[in-house]
Amino acid sequence: MAYNSKDAAKQCMDKSSKRCSKKGGGKRKVRRTFKILRKMWLNIGLEKIDTHEGITVKTLLDSSTTGIFMDRKMAARHGFKLQKLIRPVAVRNVNGMNNSVGAITHQVKVNMYYKGHVKRMKIEVCNLGRTEVILGMPWLQAHNPEIN
């Protein structure tokens, strides 16, 4: 649920909020009773460009991520053809520090399928741990042209 102003958010808040008994008299203490949605899981189809073999992958959609990423081990396990990047991409953690694993040096090209839509995408390959694919803002912008 999105709010256009602080006043609208206050009106939609829990009516059981306590009133202040000290200075300010009738003012309410406002507490947020909703969570901001930033991450969700989707099932997408990935098709190799060269062999047209396809797989279904449980994918993390994360609006705070600035790219589209595939786990290195997953790419190897499924036989995706890695393409070396002309320039490595530095990876920074949330705290701004360089990632200890190093720069991203490869990408894969795939056809990505989601709910009847097909899009050819370049996915950067790096170490993601348990997550196989992360879709960030470039994917959101490609599938929702209004976002800019």
Protein backbone atom coordinates (compact mmCIF):
# COMPACT_ATOMS: atom_id res chain seq x y z
CA MET A 1 0.00 0.00 0.00
CA ALA A 2 1.52 3.36 -1.01
CA TYR A 3 0.76 6.76 0.45
CA ASN A 4 1.09 10.14 -1.27
CA SER A 5 1.64 12.13 1.90
CA LYS A 6 2.33 11.76 5.59
CA ASP A 7 -1.22 12.94 6.37
CA ALA A 8 -2.76 10.17 4.26
CA ALA A 9 -0.51 7.61 5.96
CA LYS A 10 -1.56 8.86 9.39
CA GLN A 11 -5.24 8.55 8.47
CA CYS A 12 -4.76 4.92 7.41
CA MET A 13 -2.83 3.87 10.51
CA ASP A 14 -4.12 1.73 13.32
CA LYS A 15 -6.86 3.62 15.20
CA SER A 16 -5.83 2.02 18.46
CA SER A 17 -2.73 4.25 18.66
CA LYS A 18 -2.46 5.93 22.06
CA ARG A 19 -3.00 9.64 22.53
CA CYS A 20 -0.30 11.78 24.11
CA SER A 21 -1.30 13.04 27.51
CA LYS A 22 1.53 15.58 27.82
CA LYS A 23 2.44 18.49 25.52
CA GLY A 24 0.47 18.61 22.32
CA GLY A 25 -2.73 17.30 23.88
CA GLY A 26 -4.72 15.64 21.09
CA LYS A 27 -1.78 14.46 18.95
CA ARG A 28 -1.50 10.78 18.18
CA LYS A 29 1.55 8.60 18.30
CA VAL A 30 1.74 7.08 14.86
CA ARG A 31 3.24 3.67 14.37
CA ARG A 32 3.71 2.02 11.02
CA THR A 33 1.66 -1.16 10.74
CA PHE A 34 2.72 -2.22 7.23
CA LYS A 35 5.97 -3.45 5.71
CA ILE A 36 7.51 -2.03 2.56
CA LEU A 37 7.72 -4.75 -0.10
CA ARG A 38 11.20 -4.87 -1.57
CA LYS A 39 11.76 -8.55 -2.31
CA MET A 40 9.65 -11.39 -3.63
CA TRP A 41 10.17 -14.79 -5.26
CA LEU A 42 9.09 -15.64 -8.83
CA ASN A 43 9.34 -18.71 -11.03
CA ILE A 44 10.79 -17.81 -14.43
CA GLY A 45 11.90 -19.80 -17.46
CA LEU A 46 15.43 -19.45 -18.83
CA GLU A 47 16.27 -20.71 -22.30
CA LYS A 48 19.83 -21.12 -23.61
CA ILE A 49 20.31 -19.15 -26.82
CA ASP A 50 22.57 -21.73 -28.48
CA THR A 51 20.73 -25.02 -27.73
CA HIS A 52 17.22 -23.74 -26.89
CA GLU A 53 17.19 -25.93 -23.76
CA GLY A 54 15.06 -24.45 -21.01
CA ILE A 55 14.85 -24.63 -17.24
CA THR A 56 12.55 -23.17 -14.61
CA VAL A 57 14.25 -21.22 -11.83
CA LYS A 58 13.01 -19.84 -8.52
CA THR A 59 14.20 -16.24 -8.76
CA LEU A 60 14.55 -13.41 -6.26
CA LEU A 61 12.99 -10.15 -7.44
CA ASP A 62 14.74 -7.37 -5.53
CA SER A 63 13.96 -3.75 -6.38
CA SER A 64 17.06 -2.51 -4.54
CA THR A 65 19.42 -4.48 -6.82
CA THR A 66 21.03 -2.62 -9.72
CA GLY A 67 21.48 -5.57 -12.08
CA ILE A 68 20.44 -9.06 -13.12
CA PHE A 69 22.61 -11.85 -11.73
CA MET A 70 23.01 -15.62 -12.03
CA ASP A 71 24.93 -17.83 -9.62
CA ARG A 72 28.20 -19.15 -11.08
CA LYS A 73 27.61 -22.72 -9.82
CA MET A 74 24.09 -22.79 -11.26
CA ALA A 75 25.36 -21.59 -14.66
CA ALA A 76 27.96 -24.40 -14.70
CA ARG A 77 25.50 -27.06 -13.47
CA HIS A 78 23.03 -26.28 -16.28
CA GLY A 79 25.67 -25.73 -18.98
CA PHE A 80 25.05 -22.05 -19.77
CA LYS A 81 27.64 -20.65 -22.21
CA LEU A 82 29.68 -17.98 -20.41
CA GLN A 83 30.81 -14.91 -22.34
CA LYS A 84 33.76 -12.92 -21.03
CA LEU A 85 33.02 -9.24 -20.38
CA ILE A 86 35.23 -6.64 -22.07
CA ARG A 87 35.58 -4.81 -18.75
CA PRO A 88 35.10 -6.52 -15.36
CA VAL A 89 32.35 -5.04 -13.19
CA ALA A 90 33.31 -4.20 -9.60
CA VAL A 91 30.92 -5.63 -7.02
CA ARG A 92 30.09 -3.59 -3.94
CA ASN A 93 28.29 -4.84 -0.87
CA VAL A 94 25.40 -3.00 0.75
CA ASN A 95 27.89 -1.25 3.08
CA GLY A 96 29.84 0.14 0.09
CA MET A 97 32.88 -2.13 0.50
CA ASN A 98 34.25 -4.15 -2.44
CA ASN A 99 33.03 -7.73 -2.43
CA SER A 100 35.68 -10.23 -1.33
CA VAL A 101 34.88 -12.58 -4.25
CA GLY A 102 36.03 -9.96 -6.75
CA ALA A 103 34.70 -8.43 -9.93
CA ILE A 104 32.14 -9.91 -12.32
CA THR A 105 34.00 -11.17 -15.39
CA HIS A 106 31.34 -13.15 -17.33
CA GLN A 107 27.75 -12.98 -18.52
CA VAL A 108 25.22 -15.29 -20.18
CA LYS A 109 22.61 -14.44 -22.80
CA VAL A 110 19.23 -16.11 -22.33
CA ASN A 111 15.63 -15.85 -23.36
CA MET A 112 13.68 -15.17 -20.18
CA TYR A 113 10.05 -16.27 -19.93
CA TYR A 114 7.59 -14.88 -17.40
CA LYS A 115 3.77 -15.07 -17.61
CA GLY A 116 3.65 -15.28 -21.41
CA HIS A 117 6.32 -12.62 -22.00
CA VAL A 118 9.69 -13.41 -23.57
CA LYS A 119 12.69 -11.11 -23.33
CA ARG A 120 16.29 -11.67 -24.41
CA MET A 121 18.46 -10.71 -21.45
CA LYS A 122 22.13 -10.53 -20.51
CA ILE A 123 22.72 -11.86 -17.02
CA GLU A 124 25.95 -11.19 -15.13
CA VAL A 125 27.45 -14.28 -13.51
CA CYS A 126 28.78 -14.13 -9.94
CA ASN A 127 28.65 -16.01 -6.64
CA LEU A 128 25.16 -15.70 -5.12
CA GLY A 129 25.22 -18.52 -2.60
CA ARG A 130 21.81 -20.18 -2.23
CA THR A 131 20.03 -17.83 -4.63
CA GLU A 132 20.22 -18.94 -8.27
CA VAL A 133 19.05 -15.76 -10.03
CA ILE A 134 18.40 -12.19 -8.83
CA LEU A 135 16.29 -9.82 -10.92
CA GLY A 136 16.83 -6.15 -10.13
CA MET A 137 15.78 -2.80 -11.55
CA PRO A 138 16.80 -3.51 -15.19
CA TRP A 139 14.29 -6.39 -15.28
CA LEU A 140 11.59 -4.29 -13.63
CA GLN A 141 12.18 -1.50 -16.16
CA ALA A 142 12.16 -3.92 -19.12
CA HIS A 143 8.80 -5.39 -18.07
CA ASN A 144 7.24 -2.16 -16.78
CA PRO A 145 8.09 0.77 -19.12
CA GLU A 146 6.33 3.24 -16.77
CA ILE A 147 9.16 2.77 -14.20
CA ASN A 148 11.94 5.29 -14.95
